[in-house]
């Protein structure tokens, strides 16, 4: 067998090994909690009524979804729960409910008919 073919095969094997190792390293670097990895992380900024804003960082995997946001400077970790429509995240005393590009933040310690903490929030750039 010609020597240049052997080197080419060797290089191909080395390249494949590098690609596989890189993919494994990327998966290992994905944020996670107790073995659950979140390969999809995205940050959304919402403009809400009253000129208020909310920045939410979403962590998604095939079976788990979470959202992190700050209220009064304190971080809130909210996890997805069952929703009739849209996506509903609950963390601590807060409920962040989105449908499409809109969302509403409620304080679950307030009366059911209380005004939302943040209303008519629209995803922006």
C-alpha atoms as a PDB file:
ATOM      1  CA  UNK A   1       0.000   0.000   0.000  1.00  0.00           C
ATOM      2  CA  UNK A   2       1.411   3.447  -0.868  1.00  0.00           C
ATOM      3  CA  UNK A   3       2.795   5.308   2.124  1.00  0.00           C
ATOM      4  CA  UNK A   4       0.791   8.495   1.452  1.00  0.00           C
ATOM      5  CA  UNK A   5      -2.441   6.482   1.824  1.00  0.00           C
ATOM      6  CA  UNK A   6      -1.329   5.150   5.187  1.00  0.00           C
ATOM      7  CA  UNK A   7      -0.570   8.666   6.377  1.00  0.00           C
ATOM      8  CA  UNK A   8      -3.920   9.854   5.076  1.00  0.00           C
ATOM      9  CA  UNK A   9      -5.747   7.129   6.958  1.00  0.00           C
ATOM     10  CA  UNK A  10      -3.745   7.927  10.071  1.00  0.00           C
ATOM     11  CA  UNK A  11      -4.642  11.580   9.735  1.00  0.00           C
ATOM     12  CA  UNK A  12      -8.301  10.748   9.204  1.00  0.00           C
ATOM     13  CA  UNK A  13      -8.354   8.549  12.306  1.00  0.00           C
ATOM     14  CA  UNK A  14      -6.634  11.301  14.303  1.00  0.00           C
ATOM     15  CA  UNK A  15      -9.094  13.891  13.017  1.00  0.00           C
ATOM     16  CA  UNK A  16     -12.079  11.705  13.901  1.00  0.00           C
ATOM     17  CA  UNK A  17     -10.673  11.118  17.385  1.00  0.00           C
ATOM     18  CA  UNK A  18     -10.226  14.875  17.828  1.00  0.00           C
ATOM     19  CA  UNK A  19     -13.790  15.623  16.685  1.00  0.00           C
ATOM     20  CA  UNK A  20     -15.243  12.970  19.023  1.00  0.00           C
ATOM     21  CA  UNK A  21     -13.176  14.257  21.946  1.00  0.00           C
ATOM     22  CA  UNK A  22     -14.269  17.835  21.210  1.00  0.00           C
ATOM     23  CA  UNK A  23     -17.949  16.833  21.127  1.00  0.00           C
ATOM     24  CA  UNK A  24     -17.559  14.956  24.414  1.00  0.00           C
ATOM     25  CA  UNK A  25     -15.808  17.944  25.983  1.00  0.00           C
ATOM     26  CA  UNK A  26     -18.585  20.277  24.785  1.00  0.00           C
ATOM     27  CA  UNK A  27     -21.250  18.026  26.320  1.00  0.00           C
ATOM     28  CA  UNK A  28     -19.288  17.881  29.575  1.00  0.00           C
ATOM     29  CA  UNK A  29     -19.081  21.702  29.647  1.00  0.00           C
ATOM     30  CA  UNK A  30     -22.820  22.155  29.158  1.00  0.00           C
ATOM     31  CA  UNK A  31     -24.321  23.622  32.337  1.00  0.00           C
ATOM     32  CA  UNK A  32     -26.000  21.091  34.527  1.00  0.00           C
ATOM     33  CA  UNK A  33     -27.416  20.159  37.896  1.00  0.00           C
ATOM     34  CA  UNK A  34     -26.831  16.757  39.497  1.00  0.00           C
ATOM     35  CA  UNK A  35     -26.049  15.030  36.199  1.00  0.00           C
ATOM     36  CA  UNK A  36     -28.796  16.743  34.166  1.00  0.00           C
ATOM     37  CA  UNK A  37     -27.119  18.675  31.327  1.00  0.00           C
ATOM     38  CA  UNK A  38     -28.665  21.632  29.524  1.00  0.00           C
ATOM     39  CA  UNK A  39     -27.210  21.750  26.006  1.00  0.00           C
ATOM     40  CA  UNK A  40     -29.561  24.576  25.010  1.00  0.00           C
ATOM     41  CA  UNK A  41     -29.134  27.810  26.965  1.00  0.00           C
ATOM     42  CA  UNK A  42     -30.637  31.069  25.760  1.00  0.00           C
ATOM     43  CA  UNK A  43     -31.168  34.501  27.247  1.00  0.00           C
ATOM     44  CA  UNK A  44     -34.279  36.553  26.519  1.00  0.00           C
ATOM     45  CA  UNK A  45     -34.971  40.158  27.511  1.00  0.00           C
ATOM     46  CA  UNK A  46     -38.591  41.175  27.966  1.00  0.00           C
ATOM     47  CA  UNK A  47     -40.117  44.663  27.914  1.00  0.00           C
ATOM     48  CA  UNK A  48     -43.048  44.846  30.313  1.00  0.00           C
ATOM     49  CA  UNK A  49     -45.778  47.339  31.222  1.00  0.00           C
ATOM     50  CA  UNK A  50     -44.594  50.386  33.090  1.00  0.00           C
ATOM     51  CA  UNK A  51     -41.249  50.452  31.284  1.00  0.00           C
ATOM     52  CA  UNK A  52     -39.968  47.530  33.357  1.00  0.00           C
ATOM     53  CA  UNK A  53     -37.699  44.824  31.946  1.00  0.00           C
ATOM     54  CA  UNK A  54     -37.018  41.210  32.836  1.00  0.00           C
ATOM     55  CA  UNK A  55     -34.067  39.168  31.608  1.00  0.00           C
ATOM     56  CA  UNK A  56     -34.626  35.416  31.705  1.00  0.00           C
ATOM     57  CA  UNK A  57     -32.033  32.756  31.036  1.00  0.00           C
ATOM     58  CA  UNK A  58     -33.571  29.480  29.870  1.00  0.00           C
ATOM     59  CA  UNK A  59     -31.855  26.132  30.404  1.00  0.00           C
ATOM     60  CA  UNK A  60     -33.347  23.337  28.306  1.00  0.00           C
ATOM     61  CA  UNK A  61     -32.723  19.647  27.864  1.00  0.00           C
ATOM     62  CA  UNK A  62     -34.927  16.999  26.337  1.00  0.00           C
ATOM     63  CA  UNK A  63     -36.721  16.232  29.617  1.00  0.00           C
ATOM     64  CA  UNK A  64     -36.032  19.263  31.829  1.00  0.00           C
ATOM     65  CA  UNK A  65     -36.525  23.002  31.494  1.00  0.00           C
ATOM     66  CA  UNK A  66     -35.588  25.765  33.909  1.00  0.00           C
ATOM     67  CA  UNK A  67     -35.509  29.555  33.915  1.00  0.00           C
ATOM     68  CA  UNK A  68     -33.388  31.937  35.980  1.00  0.00           C
ATOM     69  CA  UNK A  69     -34.276  35.593  36.500  1.00  0.00           C
ATOM     70  CA  UNK A  70     -33.765  38.316  39.112  1.00  0.00           C
ATOM     71  CA  UNK A  71     -36.433  40.030  41.183  1.00  0.00           C
ATOM     72  CA  UNK A  72     -35.312  42.907  43.397  1.00  0.00           C
ATOM     73  CA  UNK A  73     -31.718  41.882  42.713  1.00  0.00           C
ATOM     74  CA  UNK A  74     -32.250  38.323  43.973  1.00  0.00           C
ATOM     75  CA  UNK A  75     -31.933  35.332  41.638  1.00  0.00           C
ATOM     76  CA  UNK A  76     -34.917  33.036  41.189  1.00  0.00           C
ATOM     77  CA  UNK A  77     -34.531  29.503  39.820  1.00  0.00           C
ATOM     78  CA  UNK A  78     -37.846  28.374  38.355  1.00  0.00           C
ATOM     79  CA  UNK A  79     -38.587  24.977  36.854  1.00  0.00           C
ATOM     80  CA  UNK A  80     -41.200  24.126  34.264  1.00  0.00           C
ATOM     81  CA  UNK A  81     -44.506  22.729  35.468  1.00  0.00           C
ATOM     82  CA  UNK A  82     -47.662  21.526  33.764  1.00  0.00           C
ATOM     83  CA  UNK A  83     -49.458  24.255  31.801  1.00  0.00           C
ATOM     84  CA  UNK A  84     -52.651  24.181  29.769  1.00  0.00           C
ATOM     85  CA  UNK A  85     -50.895  26.302  27.144  1.00  0.00           C
ATOM     86  CA  UNK A  86     -47.557  28.035  26.894  1.00  0.00           C
ATOM     87  CA  UNK A  87     -44.714  27.406  29.330  1.00  0.00           C
ATOM     88  CA  UNK A  88     -45.153  27.801  33.082  1.00  0.00           C
ATOM     89  CA  UNK A  89     -42.137  28.096  35.392  1.00  0.00           C
ATOM     90  CA  UNK A  90     -42.416  28.205  39.185  1.00  0.00           C
ATOM     91  CA  UNK A  91     -39.637  29.124  41.592  1.00  0.00           C
ATOM     92  CA  UNK A  92     -40.013  30.166  45.200  1.00  0.00           C
ATOM     93  CA  UNK A  93     -43.008  32.475  45.395  1.00  0.00           C
ATOM     94  CA  UNK A  94     -42.968  33.390  41.683  1.00  0.00           C
ATOM     95  CA  UNK A  95     -44.700  32.064  38.590  1.00  0.00           C
ATOM     96  CA  UNK A  96     -43.361  33.052  35.136  1.00  0.00           C
ATOM     97  CA  UNK A  97     -45.842  32.082  32.435  1.00  0.00           C
ATOM     98  CA  UNK A  98     -45.011  32.553  28.779  1.00  0.00           C
ATOM     99  CA  UNK A  99     -46.915  31.957  25.599  1.00  0.00           C
ATOM    100  CA  UNK A 100     -45.079  32.641  22.367  1.00  0.00           C
ATOM    101  CA  UNK A 101     -43.101  35.851  22.822  1.00  0.00           C
ATOM    102  CA  UNK A 102     -45.208  37.173  25.761  1.00  0.00           C
ATOM    103  CA  UNK A 103     -45.010  36.556  29.493  1.00  0.00           C
ATOM    104  CA  UNK A 104     -46.479  37.438  32.890  1.00  0.00           C
ATOM    105  CA  UNK A 105     -44.779  37.259  36.286  1.00  0.00           C
ATOM    106  CA  UNK A 106     -46.978  36.680  39.343  1.00  0.00           C
ATOM    107  CA  UNK A 107     -46.261  36.548  43.059  1.00  0.00           C
ATOM    108  CA  UNK A 108     -48.003  33.380  44.252  1.00  0.00           C
ATOM    109  CA  UNK A 109     -48.125  34.734  47.819  1.00  0.00           C
ATOM    110  CA  UNK A 110     -50.551  37.445  46.674  1.00  0.00           C
ATOM    111  CA  UNK A 111     -54.294  36.972  46.266  1.00  0.00           C
ATOM    112  CA  UNK A 112     -55.315  35.129  43.100  1.00  0.00           C
ATOM    113  CA  UNK A 113     -56.852  38.292  41.625  1.00  0.00           C
ATOM    114  CA  UNK A 114     -53.865  40.527  42.541  1.00  0.00           C
ATOM    115  CA  UNK A 115     -52.148  42.422  39.739  1.00  0.00           C
ATOM    116  CA  UNK A 116     -49.078  40.660  38.291  1.00  0.00           C
ATOM    117  CA  UNK A 117     -45.620  41.766  39.381  1.00  0.00           C
ATOM    118  CA  UNK A 118     -44.824  42.201  35.666  1.00  0.00           C
ATOM    119  CA  UNK A 119     -47.527  42.211  33.005  1.00  0.00           C
ATOM    120  CA  UNK A 120     -47.669  42.217  29.228  1.00  0.00           C
ATOM    121  CA  UNK A 121     -43.985  41.356  28.875  1.00  0.00           C
ATOM    122  CA  UNK A 122     -42.832  41.068  25.249  1.00  0.00           C
ATOM    123  CA  UNK A 123     -39.594  39.468  24.100  1.00  0.00           C
ATOM    124  CA  UNK A 124     -37.259  42.012  22.581  1.00  0.00           C
ATOM    125  CA  UNK A 125     -33.783  41.999  21.168  1.00  0.00           C
END
